[in-house]
Amino acid sequence: MNKVLVDTGFWFALFDPKDDLKAYDKAKKIFNYLEKTKLLIPWPTLYETFNTRFSKKSNLLIQILKKDNVILIDDTYYKESALINLEQNFRKRDLSLVDLIIREILTDKKIRINFLVSFNVKDFVDVCQRKQITIIDQNFN
């Protein structure tokens, strides 16, 4: 079974059709595909997703999190390294701390990841190319 790591932007597109209807339509198609995979969800993406804007829709994501194909990835192992990278890359690249943690997870040799779902390809394309991880984005068919 393919293992798919999911970025926050996907959840935003899936839960907020008013923001970008085209992204919402793509997110629904991707979500149907994800039902047949092992879904890897990093905790930091949940912190970003369960903000005030989505608090009224949180029960839908909670139902998703309870499914047998979902694995929540603890960020404890990755936080310190991500903070160091944040400090070192401060002027080179605009990446959030959550994105840096996801990049750390993507490079972890102990976790096999086949796909990354992200609507911010530029933030992860270099790591995914090196690790031969396919990015599923708005161009998904």
Protein backbone atom coordinates (compact mmCIF):
# COMPACT_ATOMS: atom_id res chain seq x y z
CA MET A 1 0.00 0.00 0.00
CA ASN A 2 1.37 3.43 -0.95
CA LYS A 3 2.27 5.79 1.87
CA VAL A 4 1.24 9.38 1.31
CA LEU A 5 2.36 12.35 3.41
CA VAL A 6 -0.14 15.21 3.43
CA ASP A 7 0.69 18.92 3.69
CA THR A 8 -1.60 21.54 5.24
CA GLY A 9 -2.49 23.26 1.95
CA PHE A 10 -4.38 20.16 0.87
CA TRP A 11 -6.63 20.32 3.95
CA PHE A 12 -7.26 24.03 3.35
CA ALA A 13 -8.30 23.32 -0.25
CA LEU A 14 -10.51 20.39 0.80
CA PHE A 15 -12.31 22.20 3.61
CA ASP A 16 -12.71 25.66 2.07
CA PRO A 17 -14.28 25.63 -1.41
CA LYS A 18 -14.96 29.39 -1.15
CA ASP A 19 -11.23 30.14 -1.10
CA ASP A 20 -10.41 28.47 -4.44
CA LEU A 21 -13.05 26.34 -6.15
CA LYS A 22 -10.57 24.84 -8.62
CA ALA A 23 -8.25 23.74 -5.78
CA TYR A 24 -11.28 22.36 -3.91
CA ASP A 25 -12.29 20.22 -6.92
CA LYS A 26 -8.75 18.85 -7.21
CA ALA A 27 -8.59 18.20 -3.47
CA LYS A 28 -11.80 16.13 -3.65
CA LYS A 29 -10.31 13.99 -6.45
CA ILE A 30 -7.10 13.54 -4.50
CA PHE A 31 -9.04 12.67 -1.34
CA ASN A 32 -10.81 9.85 -3.17
CA TYR A 33 -7.39 8.47 -4.15
CA LEU A 34 -6.12 8.78 -0.56
CA GLU A 35 -8.82 6.41 0.68
CA LYS A 36 -6.76 3.58 -0.86
CA THR A 37 -3.43 4.56 0.73
CA LYS A 38 -1.69 4.75 4.09
CA LEU A 39 -2.18 8.40 4.99
CA LEU A 40 0.72 9.97 6.89
CA ILE A 41 -0.29 13.14 8.70
CA PRO A 42 2.36 15.16 10.57
CA TRP A 43 1.07 16.70 13.79
CA PRO A 44 2.20 20.23 12.83
CA THR A 45 -0.17 20.19 9.84
CA LEU A 46 -3.01 19.53 12.26
CA TYR A 47 -2.00 22.57 14.33
CA GLU A 48 -2.22 24.69 11.18
CA THR A 49 -5.47 23.12 9.98
CA PHE A 50 -7.39 23.20 13.27
CA ASN A 51 -7.20 26.95 13.53
CA THR A 52 -10.13 29.25 14.21
CA ARG A 53 -11.07 29.35 10.52
CA PHE A 54 -11.77 25.61 10.43
CA SER A 55 -12.97 25.00 13.97
CA LYS A 56 -16.57 24.55 12.76
CA LYS A 57 -15.46 21.89 10.24
CA SER A 58 -13.12 20.07 12.59
CA ASN A 59 -15.43 17.07 13.03
CA LEU A 60 -14.85 16.09 9.37
CA LEU A 61 -11.08 15.98 9.84
CA ILE A 62 -11.48 14.18 13.16
CA GLN A 63 -13.49 11.48 11.35
CA ILE A 64 -10.65 11.17 8.81
CA LEU A 65 -8.06 10.86 11.60
CA LYS A 66 -9.94 7.91 13.12
CA LYS A 67 -9.68 5.80 9.96
CA ASP A 68 -7.51 2.67 9.95
CA ASN A 69 -5.36 3.91 7.07
CA VAL A 70 -4.20 7.04 8.95
CA ILE A 71 -0.88 7.33 10.76
CA LEU A 72 -0.13 10.47 12.75
CA ILE A 73 3.54 11.42 12.70
CA ASP A 74 4.90 12.89 15.92
CA ASP A 75 7.11 15.92 15.32
CA THR A 76 9.28 15.54 18.43
CA TYR A 77 12.17 13.95 16.54
CA TYR A 78 12.16 16.67 13.84
CA LYS A 79 11.54 19.95 15.69
CA GLU A 80 15.06 20.77 16.77
CA SER A 81 16.60 20.10 13.39
CA ALA A 82 13.86 22.14 11.71
CA LEU A 83 14.57 25.06 14.05
CA ILE A 84 18.26 24.90 13.18
CA ASN A 85 17.36 24.89 9.47
CA LEU A 86 15.00 27.82 10.02
CA GLU A 87 17.83 29.82 11.51
CA GLN A 88 20.34 28.80 8.81
CA ASN A 89 17.96 29.40 5.90
CA PHE A 90 16.39 32.58 7.25
CA ARG A 91 17.57 34.76 4.37
CA LYS A 92 17.83 32.08 1.66
CA ARG A 93 14.30 30.74 1.56
CA ASP A 94 10.85 31.54 2.90
CA LEU A 95 9.72 28.30 4.53
CA SER A 96 7.47 27.94 7.54
CA LEU A 97 8.55 25.87 10.50
CA VAL A 98 5.85 23.35 9.56
CA ASP A 99 7.30 23.05 6.05
CA LEU A 100 10.76 22.53 7.50
CA ILE A 101 9.44 19.75 9.73
CA ILE A 102 7.76 18.12 6.73
CA ARG A 103 11.06 18.35 4.84
CA GLU A 104 12.75 16.59 7.79
CA ILE A 105 10.13 13.83 7.71
CA LEU A 106 10.57 13.43 3.95
CA THR A 107 14.31 12.85 4.42
CA ASP A 108 13.93 10.40 7.31
CA LYS A 109 15.26 7.02 6.15
CA LYS A 110 13.09 5.21 8.71
CA ILE A 111 9.85 6.34 7.07
CA ARG A 112 9.03 5.07 3.60
CA ILE A 113 7.03 7.70 1.70
CA ASN A 114 5.83 7.18 -1.86
CA PHE A 115 3.91 10.40 -2.39
CA LEU A 116 3.57 13.90 -0.95
CA VAL A 117 0.30 15.78 -1.34
CA SER A 118 1.09 19.48 -1.44
CA PHE A 119 -0.23 22.49 -3.29
CA ASN A 120 3.10 24.24 -2.58
CA VAL A 121 5.36 22.15 -4.79
CA LYS A 122 8.27 24.60 -4.77
CA ASP A 123 8.71 24.12 -1.01
CA PHE A 124 9.39 20.39 -1.39
CA VAL A 125 10.41 19.62 -4.96
CA ASP A 126 14.15 19.43 -4.23
CA VAL A 127 13.76 16.97 -1.34
CA CYS A 128 11.21 14.88 -3.21
CA GLN A 129 13.41 14.62 -6.28
CA ARG A 130 16.36 13.44 -4.18
CA LYS A 131 14.22 10.88 -2.33
CA GLN A 132 12.25 9.85 -5.44
CA ILE A 133 8.94 10.86 -3.85
CA THR A 134 6.19 11.82 -6.29
CA ILE A 135 4.34 15.05 -5.52
CA ILE A 136 0.59 15.04 -5.98
CA ASP A 137 -0.58 18.61 -6.54
CA GLN A 138 -3.27 20.61 -8.35
CA ASN A 139 -2.31 18.88 -11.60
CA PHE A 140 -3.58 15.52 -10.29
CA ASN A 141 -5.98 13.80 -12.70
